[in-house]
């Protein structure tokens, strides 16, 4: 009986840790998508420029369809928000005339999010 109780307590703790990790990743990813929407930057995708709001909608759609590839904010950036899955071309953020890879821009925002 004590052995069963110990296993149940261990499983409960393990599940809580997993849920916390999933919640943290989800919050960070949604914060990154919101940062894109609020950026006022242009987003270059497959040679076309899109507004920040349209870029955020696109990233939200990719995340909704590809969550299995994004178990962390870093995985989201690497697997979903870096390049076009259709053409393989990189995504770009163009802010105040400065052009940067979306992966770099998002990684910098993630670092800011995590700064206490």
PDB file of N, CA and C in Angstrom:
ATOM      1  N   UNK A   1       0.819  -1.191   0.000  1.00  0.00           N
ATOM      2  CA  UNK A   1       0.000   0.000   0.000  1.00  0.00           C
ATOM      3  C   UNK A   1       0.871   1.267   0.000  1.00  0.00           C
ATOM      4  N   UNK A   2       1.916   1.269   0.820  1.00  0.00           N
ATOM      5  CA  UNK A   2       2.803   2.430   0.878  1.00  0.00           C
ATOM      6  C   UNK A   2       3.523   2.609  -0.454  1.00  0.00           C
ATOM      7  N   UNK A   3       3.881   1.511  -1.084  1.00  0.00           N
ATOM      8  CA  UNK A   3       4.554   1.576  -2.381  1.00  0.00           C
ATOM      9  C   UNK A   3       3.631   2.206  -3.430  1.00  0.00           C
ATOM     10  N   UNK A   4       2.371   1.820  -3.436  1.00  0.00           N
ATOM     11  CA  UNK A   4       1.402   2.380  -4.390  1.00  0.00           C
ATOM     12  C   UNK A   4       1.216   3.872  -4.126  1.00  0.00           C
ATOM     13  N   UNK A   5       1.093   4.241  -2.868  1.00  0.00           N
ATOM     14  CA  UNK A   5       0.941   5.643  -2.513  1.00  0.00           C
ATOM     15  C   UNK A   5       2.169   6.454  -2.948  1.00  0.00           C
ATOM     16  N   UNK A   6       3.351   5.900  -2.783  1.00  0.00           N
ATOM     17  CA  UNK A   6       4.578   6.580  -3.201  1.00  0.00           C
ATOM     18  C   UNK A   6       4.593   6.794  -4.710  1.00  0.00           C
ATOM     19  N   UNK A   7       4.185   5.789  -5.459  1.00  0.00           N
ATOM     20  CA  UNK A   7       4.137   5.903  -6.924  1.00  0.00           C
ATOM     21  C   UNK A   7       3.129   6.976  -7.337  1.00  0.00           C
ATOM     22  N   UNK A   8       1.968   6.998  -6.693  1.00  0.00           N
ATOM     23  CA  UNK A   8       0.960   8.006  -7.021  1.00  0.00           C
ATOM     24  C   UNK A   8       1.450   9.414  -6.723  1.00  0.00           C
ATOM     25  N   UNK A   9       2.131   9.601  -5.615  1.00  0.00           N
ATOM     26  CA  UNK A   9       2.687  10.914  -5.280  1.00  0.00           C
ATOM     27  C   UNK A   9       3.743  11.304  -6.302  1.00  0.00           C
ATOM     28  N   UNK A  10       4.600  10.364  -6.678  1.00  0.00           N
ATOM     29  CA  UNK A  10       5.625  10.641  -7.682  1.00  0.00           C
ATOM     30  C   UNK A  10       4.984  11.034  -9.015  1.00  0.00           C
ATOM     31  N   UNK A  11       3.943  10.296  -9.431  1.00  0.00           N
ATOM     32  CA  UNK A  11       3.261  10.610 -10.688  1.00  0.00           C
ATOM     33  C   UNK A  11       2.613  11.983 -10.638  1.00  0.00           C
ATOM     34  N   UNK A  12       1.995  12.329  -9.534  1.00  0.00           N
ATOM     35  CA  UNK A  12       1.362  13.638  -9.397  1.00  0.00           C
ATOM     36  C   UNK A  12       2.402  14.752  -9.537  1.00  0.00           C
ATOM     37  N   UNK A  13       3.549  14.597  -8.908  1.00  0.00           N
ATOM     38  CA  UNK A  13       4.620  15.587  -9.017  1.00  0.00           C
ATOM     39  C   UNK A  13       5.160  15.683 -10.421  1.00  0.00           C
ATOM     40  N   UNK A  14       5.311  14.548 -11.067  1.00  0.00           N
ATOM     41  CA  UNK A  14       5.808  14.510 -12.440  1.00  0.00           C
ATOM     42  C   UNK A  14       4.840  15.217 -13.384  1.00  0.00           C
ATOM     43  N   UNK A  15       3.548  14.977 -13.218  1.00  0.00           N
ATOM     44  CA  UNK A  15       2.537  15.611 -14.055  1.00  0.00           C
ATOM     45  C   UNK A  15       2.519  17.114 -13.821  1.00  0.00           C
ATOM     46  N   UNK A  16       2.635  17.541 -12.581  1.00  0.00           N
ATOM     47  CA  UNK A  16       2.642  18.971 -12.269  1.00  0.00           C
ATOM     48  C   UNK A  16       3.837  19.646 -12.926  1.00  0.00           C
ATOM     49  N   UNK A  17       4.997  19.022 -12.911  1.00  0.00           N
ATOM     50  CA  UNK A  17       6.182  19.580 -13.549  1.00  0.00           C
ATOM     51  C   UNK A  17       5.972  19.704 -15.048  1.00  0.00           C
ATOM     52  N   UNK A  18       5.409  18.681 -15.675  1.00  0.00           N
ATOM     53  CA  UNK A  18       5.141  18.710 -17.110  1.00  0.00           C
ATOM     54  C   UNK A  18       4.148  19.809 -17.449  1.00  0.00           C
ATOM     55  N   UNK A  19       3.089  19.937 -16.659  1.00  0.00           N
ATOM     56  CA  UNK A  19       2.103  20.977 -16.918  1.00  0.00           C
ATOM     57  C   UNK A  19       2.727  22.354 -16.789  1.00  0.00           C
ATOM     58  N   UNK A  20       3.594  22.550 -15.792  1.00  0.00           N
ATOM     59  CA  UNK A  20       4.249  23.837 -15.633  1.00  0.00           C
ATOM     60  C   UNK A  20       5.126  24.146 -16.841  1.00  0.00           C
ATOM     61  N   UNK A  21       5.870  23.167 -17.319  1.00  0.00           N
ATOM     62  CA  UNK A  21       6.733  23.375 -18.485  1.00  0.00           C
ATOM     63  C   UNK A  21       5.893  23.737 -19.706  1.00  0.00           C
ATOM     64  N   UNK A  22       4.788  23.011 -19.909  1.00  0.00           N
ATOM     65  CA  UNK A  22       3.917  23.308 -21.038  1.00  0.00           C
ATOM     66  C   UNK A  22       3.333  24.708 -20.913  1.00  0.00           C
ATOM     67  N   UNK A  23       2.919  25.070 -19.723  1.00  0.00           N
ATOM     68  CA  UNK A  23       2.339  26.386 -19.503  1.00  0.00           C
ATOM     69  C   UNK A  23       3.370  27.476 -19.749  1.00  0.00           C
ATOM     70  N   UNK A  24       4.577  27.303 -19.269  1.00  0.00           N
ATOM     71  CA  UNK A  24       5.633  28.292 -19.476  1.00  0.00           C
ATOM     72  C   UNK A  24       5.925  28.457 -20.965  1.00  0.00           C
ATOM     73  N   UNK A  25       6.052  27.370 -21.690  1.00  0.00           N
ATOM     74  CA  UNK A  25       6.311  27.442 -23.134  1.00  0.00           C
ATOM     75  C   UNK A  25       5.165  28.154 -23.844  1.00  0.00           C
ATOM     76  N   UNK A  26       3.948  27.799 -23.513  1.00  0.00           N
ATOM     77  CA  UNK A  26       2.776  28.421 -24.141  1.00  0.00           C
ATOM     78  C   UNK A  26       2.759  29.930 -23.883  1.00  0.00           C
ATOM     79  N   UNK A  27       3.010  30.336 -22.647  1.00  0.00           N
ATOM     80  CA  UNK A  27       3.016  31.763 -22.294  1.00  0.00           C
ATOM     81  C   UNK A  27       4.114  32.485 -23.062  1.00  0.00           C
ATOM     82  N   UNK A  28       5.294  31.908 -23.116  1.00  0.00           N
ATOM     83  CA  UNK A  28       6.397  32.551 -23.838  1.00  0.00           C
ATOM     84  C   UNK A  28       6.108  32.654 -25.329  1.00  0.00           C
ATOM     85  N   UNK A  29       5.574  31.598 -25.911  1.00  0.00           N
ATOM     86  CA  UNK A  29       5.279  31.613 -27.349  1.00  0.00           C
ATOM     87  C   UNK A  29       4.201  32.643 -27.659  1.00  0.00           C
ATOM     88  N   UNK A  30       3.154  32.670 -26.862  1.00  0.00           N
ATOM     89  CA  UNK A  30       2.097  33.661 -27.080  1.00  0.00           C
ATOM     90  C   UNK A  30       2.635  35.078 -26.875  1.00  0.00           C
ATOM     91  N   UNK A  31       3.552  35.258 -25.947  1.00  0.00           N
ATOM     92  CA  UNK A  31       4.171  36.570 -25.726  1.00  0.00           C
ATOM     93  C   UNK A  31       5.014  36.986 -26.928  1.00  0.00           C
ATOM     94  N   UNK A  32       5.706  36.033 -27.532  1.00  0.00           N
ATOM     95  CA  UNK A  32       6.490  36.333 -28.733  1.00  0.00           C
ATOM     96  C   UNK A  32       5.583  36.731 -29.893  1.00  0.00           C
ATOM     97  N   UNK A  33       4.502  36.004 -30.071  1.00  0.00           N
ATOM     98  CA  UNK A  33       3.560  36.327 -31.149  1.00  0.00           C
ATOM     99  C   UNK A  33       2.964  37.713 -30.914  1.00  0.00           C
ATOM    100  N   UNK A  34       2.626  38.014 -29.675  1.00  0.00           N
ATOM    101  CA  UNK A  34       2.087  39.335 -29.319  1.00  0.00           C
ATOM    102  C   UNK A  34       3.136  40.424 -29.565  1.00  0.00           C
ATOM    103  N   UNK A  35       4.414  40.120 -29.273  1.00  0.00           N
ATOM    104  CA  UNK A  35       5.492  41.084 -29.511  1.00  0.00           C
ATOM    105  C   UNK A  35       5.605  41.416 -30.996  1.00  0.00           C
ATOM    106  N   UNK A  36       5.431  40.424 -31.841  1.00  0.00           N
ATOM    107  CA  UNK A  36       5.438  40.665 -33.292  1.00  0.00           C
ATOM    108  C   UNK A  36       4.274  41.579 -33.652  1.00  0.00           C
ATOM    109  N   UNK A  37       3.082  41.264 -33.163  1.00  0.00           N
ATOM    110  CA  UNK A  37       1.897  42.062 -33.482  1.00  0.00           C
ATOM    111  C   UNK A  37       2.044  43.511 -33.033  1.00  0.00           C
ATOM    112  N   UNK A  38       2.673  43.712 -31.886  1.00  0.00           N
ATOM    113  CA  UNK A  38       2.807  45.053 -31.311  1.00  0.00           C
ATOM    114  C   UNK A  38       4.035  45.802 -31.795  1.00  0.00           C
ATOM    115  N   UNK A  39       4.862  45.167 -32.613  1.00  0.00           N
ATOM    116  CA  UNK A  39       6.167  45.726 -32.984  1.00  0.00           C
ATOM    117  C   UNK A  39       6.092  46.927 -33.921  1.00  0.00           C
ATOM    118  N   UNK A  40       5.064  46.984 -34.762  1.00  0.00           N
ATOM    119  CA  UNK A  40       5.016  48.028 -35.779  1.00  0.00           C
ATOM    120  C   UNK A  40       5.973  47.781 -36.926  1.00  0.00           C
ATOM    121  N   UNK A  41       6.624  46.623 -36.920  1.00  0.00           N
ATOM    122  CA  UNK A  41       7.582  46.275 -37.977  1.00  0.00           C
ATOM    123  C   UNK A  41       6.849  45.678 -39.174  1.00  0.00           C
ATOM    124  N   UNK A  42       7.563  45.580 -40.271  1.00  0.00           N
ATOM    125  CA  UNK A  42       7.073  44.821 -41.412  1.00  0.00           C
ATOM    126  C   UNK A  42       7.685  43.431 -41.333  1.00  0.00           C
ATOM    127  N   UNK A  43       7.012  42.491 -41.934  1.00  0.00           N
ATOM    128  CA  UNK A  43       7.430  41.096 -41.907  1.00  0.00           C
ATOM    129  C   UNK A  43       7.551  40.653 -43.354  1.00  0.00           C
ATOM    130  N   UNK A  44       8.726  40.191 -43.730  1.00  0.00           N
ATOM    131  CA  UNK A  44       8.951  39.727 -45.091  1.00  0.00           C
ATOM    132  C   UNK A  44       8.880  38.206 -45.111  1.00  0.00           C
ATOM    133  N   UNK A  45       7.959  37.731 -45.947  1.00  0.00           N
ATOM    134  CA  UNK A  45       7.744  36.285 -46.060  1.00  0.00           C
ATOM    135  C   UNK A  45       7.587  35.942 -47.534  1.00  0.00           C
ATOM    136  N   UNK A  46       8.457  35.079 -48.029  1.00  0.00           N
ATOM    137  CA  UNK A  46       8.430  34.651 -49.429  1.00  0.00           C
ATOM    138  C   UNK A  46       8.428  35.834 -50.400  1.00  0.00           C
ATOM    139  N   UNK A  47       9.212  36.863 -50.053  1.00  0.00           N
ATOM    140  CA  UNK A  47       9.361  38.015 -50.931  1.00  0.00           C
ATOM    141  C   UNK A  47       8.260  39.048 -50.831  1.00  0.00           C
ATOM    142  N   UNK A  48       7.266  38.832 -49.976  1.00  0.00           N
ATOM    143  CA  UNK A  48       6.174  39.789 -49.803  1.00  0.00           C
ATOM    144  C   UNK A  48       6.239  40.404 -48.413  1.00  0.00           C
ATOM    145  N   UNK A  49       5.915  41.701 -48.349  1.00  0.00           N
ATOM    146  CA  UNK A  49       5.879  42.384 -47.059  1.00  0.00           C
ATOM    147  C   UNK A  49       4.482  42.284 -46.453  1.00  0.00           C
ATOM    148  N   UNK A  50       4.458  42.076 -45.146  1.00  0.00           N
ATOM    149  CA  UNK A  50       3.197  41.955 -44.412  1.00  0.00           C
ATOM    150  C   UNK A  50       3.279  42.834 -43.168  1.00  0.00           C
ATOM    151  N   UNK A  51       2.127  43.287 -42.710  1.00  0.00           N
ATOM    152  CA  UNK A  51       2.083  44.083 -41.491  1.00  0.00           C
ATOM    153  C   UNK A  51       2.435  43.217 -40.289  1.00  0.00           C
ATOM    154  N   UNK A  52       2.743  43.876 -39.191  1.00  0.00           N
ATOM    155  CA  UNK A  52       3.043  43.160 -37.951  1.00  0.00           C
ATOM    156  C   UNK A  52       1.854  42.311 -37.518  1.00  0.00           C
ATOM    157  N   UNK A  53       0.650  42.845 -37.664  1.00  0.00           N
ATOM    158  CA  UNK A  53      -0.549  42.102 -37.278  1.00  0.00           C
ATOM    159  C   UNK A  53      -0.733  40.855 -38.158  1.00  0.00           C
ATOM    160  N   UNK A  54      -0.512  41.009 -39.457  1.00  0.00           N
ATOM    161  CA  UNK A  54      -0.630  39.858 -40.368  1.00  0.00           C
ATOM    162  C   UNK A  54       0.449  38.824 -40.065  1.00  0.00           C
ATOM    163  N   UNK A  55       1.642  39.287 -39.711  1.00  0.00           N
ATOM    164  CA  UNK A  55       2.726  38.368 -39.357  1.00  0.00           C
ATOM    165  C   UNK A  55       2.353  37.570 -38.122  1.00  0.00           C
ATOM    166  N   UNK A  56       1.805  38.240 -37.116  1.00  0.00           N
ATOM    167  CA  UNK A  56       1.390  37.554 -35.891  1.00  0.00           C
ATOM    168  C   UNK A  56       0.306  36.527 -36.181  1.00  0.00           C
ATOM    169  N   UNK A  57      -0.647  36.879 -37.032  1.00  0.00           N
ATOM    170  CA  UNK A  57      -1.701  35.927 -37.406  1.00  0.00           C
ATOM    171  C   UNK A  57      -1.098  34.706 -38.088  1.00  0.00           C
ATOM    172  N   UNK A  58      -0.118  34.941 -38.957  1.00  0.00           N
ATOM    173  CA  UNK A  58       0.539  33.838 -39.659  1.00  0.00           C
ATOM    174  C   UNK A  58       1.281  32.933 -38.670  1.00  0.00           C
ATOM    175  N   UNK A  59       2.009  33.532 -37.742  1.00  0.00           N
ATOM    176  CA  UNK A  59       2.744  32.740 -36.746  1.00  0.00           C
ATOM    177  C   UNK A  59       1.789  31.991 -35.827  1.00  0.00           C
ATOM    178  N   UNK A  60       0.675  32.603 -35.492  1.00  0.00           N
ATOM    179  CA  UNK A  60      -0.342  31.933 -34.666  1.00  0.00           C
ATOM    180  C   UNK A  60      -0.892  30.711 -35.400  1.00  0.00           C
ATOM    181  N   UNK A  61      -1.156  30.845 -36.684  1.00  0.00           N
ATOM    182  CA  UNK A  61      -1.647  29.725 -37.488  1.00  0.00           C
ATOM    183  C   UNK A  61      -0.603  28.612 -37.554  1.00  0.00           C
ATOM    184  N   UNK A  62       0.654  28.986 -37.808  1.00  0.00           N
ATOM    185  CA  UNK A  62       1.712  27.967 -37.856  1.00  0.00           C
ATOM    186  C   UNK A  62       1.844  27.256 -36.517  1.00  0.00           C
ATOM    187  N   UNK A  63       1.736  28.013 -35.424  1.00  0.00           N
ATOM    188  CA  UNK A  63       1.833  27.407 -34.099  1.00  0.00           C
ATOM    189  C   UNK A  63       0.649  26.476 -33.842  1.00  0.00           C
ATOM    190  N   UNK A  64      -0.538  26.909 -34.194  1.00  0.00           N
ATOM    191  CA  UNK A  64      -1.726  26.069 -33.993  1.00  0.00           C
ATOM    192  C   UNK A  64      -1.602  24.749 -34.752  1.00  0.00           C
ATOM    193  N   UNK A  65      -1.035  24.808 -35.943  1.00  0.00           N
ATOM    194  CA  UNK A  65      -0.900  23.602 -36.762  1.00  0.00           C
ATOM    195  C   UNK A  65       0.334  22.772 -36.414  1.00  0.00           C
ATOM    196  N   UNK A  66       1.332  23.390 -35.783  1.00  0.00           N
ATOM    197  CA  UNK A  66       2.587  22.682 -35.556  1.00  0.00           C
ATOM    198  C   UNK A  66       3.028  22.631 -34.107  1.00  0.00           C
ATOM    199  N   UNK A  67       2.087  22.685 -33.171  1.00  0.00           N
ATOM    200  CA  UNK A  67       2.436  22.683 -31.743  1.00  0.00           C
ATOM    201  C   UNK A  67       3.345  21.523 -31.366  1.00  0.00           C
ATOM    202  N   UNK A  68       3.199  20.414 -32.039  1.00  0.00           N
ATOM    203  CA  UNK A  68       4.014  19.241 -31.691  1.00  0.00           C
ATOM    204  C   UNK A  68       5.502  19.494 -31.925  1.00  0.00           C
ATOM    205  N   UNK A  69       5.817  20.507 -32.716  1.00  0.00           N
ATOM    206  CA  UNK A  69       7.214  20.846 -32.990  1.00  0.00           C
ATOM    207  C   UNK A  69       7.720  21.970 -32.087  1.00  0.00           C
ATOM    208  N   UNK A  70       6.871  22.462 -31.193  1.00  0.00           N
ATOM    209  CA  UNK A  70       7.211  23.633 -30.394  1.00  0.00           C
ATOM    210  C   UNK A  70       6.939  23.377 -28.917  1.00  0.00           C
ATOM    211  N   UNK A  71       7.769  22.542 -28.309  1.00  0.00           N
ATOM    212  CA  UNK A  71       7.587  22.258 -26.889  1.00  0.00           C
ATOM    213  C   UNK A  71       8.305  23.276 -26.008  1.00  0.00           C
ATOM    214  N   UNK A  72       8.935  24.257 -26.633  1.00  0.00           N
ATOM    215  CA  UNK A  72       9.583  25.362 -25.925  1.00  0.00           C
ATOM    216  C   UNK A  72       9.564  26.575 -26.853  1.00  0.00           C
ATOM    217  N   UNK A  73       9.839  27.734 -26.286  1.00  0.00           N
ATOM    218  CA  UNK A  73       9.892  28.937 -27.113  1.00  0.00           C
ATOM    219  C   UNK A  73      11.029  28.848 -28.130  1.00  0.00           C
ATOM    220  N   UNK A  74      12.155  28.260 -27.718  1.00  0.00           N
ATOM    221  CA  UNK A  74      13.279  28.091 -28.655  1.00  0.00           C
ATOM    222  C   UNK A  74      12.887  27.188 -29.819  1.00  0.00           C
ATOM    223  N   UNK A  75      12.164  26.112 -29.529  1.00  0.00           N
ATOM    224  CA  UNK A  75      11.717  25.200 -30.590  1.00  0.00           C
ATOM    225  C   UNK A  75      10.716  25.896 -31.508  1.00  0.00           C
ATOM    226  N   UNK A  76       9.845  26.722 -30.936  1.00  0.00           N
ATOM    227  CA  UNK A  76       8.910  27.500 -31.757  1.00  0.00           C
ATOM    228  C   UNK A  76       9.677  28.368 -32.738  1.00  0.00           C
ATOM    229  N   UNK A  77      10.678  29.084 -32.231  1.00  0.00           N
ATOM    230  CA  UNK A  77      11.472  29.951 -33.105  1.00  0.00           C
ATOM    231  C   UNK A  77      12.172  29.127 -34.182  1.00  0.00           C
ATOM    232  N   UNK A  78      12.837  28.061 -33.768  1.00  0.00           N
ATOM    233  CA  UNK A  78      13.631  27.252 -34.705  1.00  0.00           C
ATOM    234  C   UNK A  78      12.774  26.537 -35.753  1.00  0.00           C
ATOM    235  N   UNK A  79      11.678  25.935 -35.328  1.00  0.00           N
ATOM    236  CA  UNK A  79      10.919  25.069 -36.234  1.00  0.00           C
ATOM    237  C   UNK A  79       9.759  25.750 -36.951  1.00  0.00           C
ATOM    238  N   UNK A  80       9.207  26.808 -36.373  1.00  0.00           N
ATOM    239  CA  UNK A  80       8.005  27.395 -36.953  1.00  0.00           C
ATOM    240  C   UNK A  80       8.150  28.857 -37.369  1.00  0.00           C
ATOM    241  N   UNK A  81       8.969  29.622 -36.686  1.00  0.00           N
ATOM    242  CA  UNK A  81       8.991  31.063 -36.906  1.00  0.00           C
ATOM    243  C   UNK A  81      10.240  31.553 -37.626  1.00  0.00           C
ATOM    244  N   UNK A  82      11.041  30.662 -38.144  1.00  0.00           N
ATOM    245  CA  UNK A  82      12.307  31.024 -38.765  1.00  0.00           C
ATOM    246  C   UNK A  82      12.228  31.155 -40.279  1.00  0.00           C
ATOM    247  N   UNK A  83      11.482  30.257 -40.881  1.00  0.00           N
ATOM    248  CA  UNK A  83      11.470  30.220 -42.351  1.00  0.00           C
ATOM    249  C   UNK A  83      10.141  29.671 -42.856  1.00  0.00           C
ATOM    250  N   UNK A  84       9.920  29.897 -44.116  1.00  0.00           N
ATOM    251  CA  UNK A  84       8.721  29.390 -44.766  1.00  0.00           C
ATOM    252  C   UNK A  84       8.823  27.875 -44.923  1.00  0.00           C
ATOM    253  N   UNK A  85       7.801  27.178 -44.484  1.00  0.00           N
ATOM    254  CA  UNK A  85       7.795  25.726 -44.675  1.00  0.00           C
ATOM    255  C   UNK A  85       7.514  25.388 -46.132  1.00  0.00           C
ATOM    256  N   UNK A  86       7.002  26.334 -46.863  1.00  0.00           N
ATOM    257  CA  UNK A  86       6.675  26.127 -48.265  1.00  0.00           C
ATOM    258  C   UNK A  86       7.908  26.308 -49.155  1.00  0.00           C
ATOM    259  N   UNK A  87       8.639  27.424 -48.965  1.00  0.00           N
ATOM    260  CA  UNK A  87       9.773  27.724 -49.851  1.00  0.00           C
ATOM    261  C   UNK A  87      11.134  27.515 -49.194  1.00  0.00           C
ATOM    262  N   UNK A  88      11.165  27.470 -47.869  1.00  0.00           N
ATOM    263  CA  UNK A  88      12.431  27.369 -47.149  1.00  0.00           C
ATOM    264  C   UNK A  88      13.123  28.710 -46.969  1.00  0.00           C
ATOM    265  N   UNK A  89      12.544  29.775 -47.525  1.00  0.00           N
ATOM    266  CA  UNK A  89      13.131  31.110 -47.409  1.00  0.00           C
ATOM    267  C   UNK A  89      12.994  31.618 -45.978  1.00  0.00           C
ATOM    268  N   UNK A  90      14.000  32.343 -45.497  1.00  0.00           N
ATOM    269  CA  UNK A  90      13.914  32.868 -44.129  1.00  0.00           C
ATOM    270  C   UNK A  90      12.879  33.982 -44.033  1.00  0.00           C
ATOM    271  N   UNK A  91      12.323  34.135 -42.835  1.00  0.00           N
ATOM    272  CA  UNK A  91      11.457  35.261 -42.523  1.00  0.00           C
ATOM    273  C   UNK A  91      12.352  36.404 -42.040  1.00  0.00           C
ATOM    274  N   UNK A  92      11.915  37.622 -42.343  1.00  0.00           N
ATOM    275  CA  UNK A  92      12.659  38.814 -41.943  1.00  0.00           C
ATOM    276  C   UNK A  92      11.742  39.767 -41.196  1.00  0.00           C
ATOM    277  N   UNK A  93      12.307  40.444 -40.195  1.00  0.00           N
ATOM    278  CA  UNK A  93      11.634  41.543 -39.518  1.00  0.00           C
ATOM    279  C   UNK A  93      12.316  42.820 -39.992  1.00  0.00           C
ATOM    280  N   UNK A  94      11.525  43.783 -40.443  1.00  0.00           N
ATOM    281  CA  UNK A  94      12.071  45.057 -40.905  1.00  0.00           C
ATOM    282  C   UNK A  94      11.493  46.138 -39.998  1.00  0.00           C
ATOM    283  N   UNK A  95      12.351  46.660 -39.137  1.00  0.00           N
ATOM    284  CA  UNK A  95      11.934  47.627 -38.122  1.00  0.00           C
ATOM    285  C   UNK A  95      12.765  48.903 -38.267  1.00  0.00           C
ATOM    286  N   UNK A  96      12.080  50.010 -38.480  1.00  0.00           N
ATOM    287  CA  UNK A  96      12.774  51.304 -38.606  1.00  0.00           C
ATOM    288  C   UNK A  96      13.888  51.251 -39.645  1.00  0.00           C
ATOM    289  N   UNK A  97      13.646  50.554 -40.741  1.00  0.00           N
ATOM    290  CA  UNK A  97      14.622  50.457 -41.815  1.00  0.00           C
ATOM    291  C   UNK A  97      15.695  49.400 -41.618  1.00  0.00           C
ATOM    292  N   UNK A  98      15.726  48.771 -40.456  1.00  0.00           N
ATOM    293  CA  UNK A  98      16.717  47.728 -40.183  1.00  0.00           C
ATOM    294  C   UNK A  98      16.108  46.357 -40.448  1.00  0.00           C
ATOM    295  N   UNK A  99      16.809  45.566 -41.240  1.00  0.00           N
ATOM    296  CA  UNK A  99      16.335  44.233 -41.603  1.00  0.00           C
ATOM    297  C   UNK A  99      17.109  43.191 -40.811  1.00  0.00           C
ATOM    298  N   UNK A 100      16.376  42.299 -40.148  1.00  0.00           N
ATOM    299  CA  UNK A 100      17.001  41.266 -39.338  1.00  0.00           C
ATOM    300  C   UNK A 100      16.239  39.959 -39.537  1.00  0.00           C
ATOM    301  N   UNK A 101      16.947  38.850 -39.445  1.00  0.00           N
ATOM    302  CA  UNK A 101      16.259  37.565 -39.496  1.00  0.00           C
ATOM    303  C   UNK A 101      15.214  37.519 -38.389  1.00  0.00           C
ATOM    304  N   UNK A 102      14.048  37.004 -38.690  1.00  0.00           N
ATOM    305  CA  UNK A 102      12.997  36.870 -37.677  1.00  0.00           C
ATOM    306  C   UNK A 102      13.493  36.020 -36.511  1.00  0.00           C
ATOM    307  N   UNK A 103      14.306  35.024 -36.802  1.00  0.00           N
ATOM    308  CA  UNK A 103      14.825  34.168 -35.727  1.00  0.00           C
ATOM    309  C   UNK A 103      15.667  34.979 -34.747  1.00  0.00           C
ATOM    310  N   UNK A 104      16.491  35.899 -35.250  1.00  0.00           N
ATOM    311  CA  UNK A 104      17.309  36.743 -34.375  1.00  0.00           C
ATOM    312  C   UNK A 104      16.418  37.691 -33.572  1.00  0.00           C
ATOM    313  N   UNK A 105      15.464  38.310 -34.250  1.00  0.00           N
ATOM    314  CA  UNK A 105      14.562  39.261 -33.605  1.00  0.00           C
ATOM    315  C   UNK A 105      13.781  38.570 -32.492  1.00  0.00           C
ATOM    316  N   UNK A 106      13.234  37.399 -32.788  1.00  0.00           N
ATOM    317  CA  UNK A 106      12.449  36.664 -31.791  1.00  0.00           C
ATOM    318  C   UNK A 106      13.329  36.172 -30.637  1.00  0.00           C
ATOM    319  N   UNK A 107      14.524  35.723 -30.931  1.00  0.00           N
ATOM    320  CA  UNK A 107      15.437  35.274 -29.868  1.00  0.00           C
ATOM    321  C   UNK A 107      15.788  36.427 -28.933  1.00  0.00           C
ATOM    322  N   UNK A 108      15.989  37.610 -29.488  1.00  0.00           N
ATOM    323  CA  UNK A 108      16.274  38.780 -28.657  1.00  0.00           C
ATOM    324  C   UNK A 108      15.071  39.125 -27.788  1.00  0.00           C
ATOM    325  N   UNK A 109      13.866  39.037 -28.344  1.00  0.00           N
ATOM    326  CA  UNK A 109      12.651  39.298 -27.560  1.00  0.00           C
ATOM    327  C   UNK A 109      12.474  38.259 -26.456  1.00  0.00           C
ATOM    328  N   UNK A 110      12.791  37.014 -26.767  1.00  0.00           N
ATOM    329  CA  UNK A 110      12.694  35.965 -25.754  1.00  0.00           C
ATOM    330  C   UNK A 110      13.643  36.246 -24.603  1.00  0.00           C
ATOM    331  N   UNK A 111      14.858  36.673 -24.911  1.00  0.00           N
ATOM    332  CA  UNK A 111      15.824  37.013 -23.854  1.00  0.00           C
ATOM    333  C   UNK A 111      15.279  38.142 -22.990  1.00  0.00           C
ATOM    334  N   UNK A 112      14.644  39.136 -23.605  1.00  0.00           N
ATOM    335  CA  UNK A 112      14.051  40.235 -22.839  1.00  0.00           C
ATOM    336  C   UNK A 112      12.903  39.743 -21.953  1.00  0.00           C
ATOM    337  N   UNK A 113      12.088  38.849 -22.495  1.00  0.00           N
ATOM    338  CA  UNK A 113      10.981  38.283 -21.705  1.00  0.00           C
ATOM    339  C   UNK A 113      11.481  37.571 -20.471  1.00  0.00           C
ATOM    340  N   UNK A 114      12.619  36.932 -20.587  1.00  0.00           N
ATOM    341  CA  UNK A 114      13.147  36.129 -19.493  1.00  0.00           C
ATOM    342  C   UNK A 114      14.004  36.930 -18.524  1.00  0.00           C
ATOM    343  N   UNK A 115      14.268  38.176 -18.845  1.00  0.00           N
ATOM    344  CA  UNK A 115      15.063  39.016 -17.958  1.00  0.00           C
ATOM    345  C   UNK A 115      14.206  39.436 -16.765  1.00  0.00           C
ATOM    346  N   UNK A 116      14.699  39.156 -15.568  1.00  0.00           N
ATOM    347  CA  UNK A 116      13.892  39.521 -14.380  1.00  0.00           C
ATOM    348  C   UNK A 116      13.794  41.011 -14.168  1.00  0.00           C
TER     349      UNK A 116
END
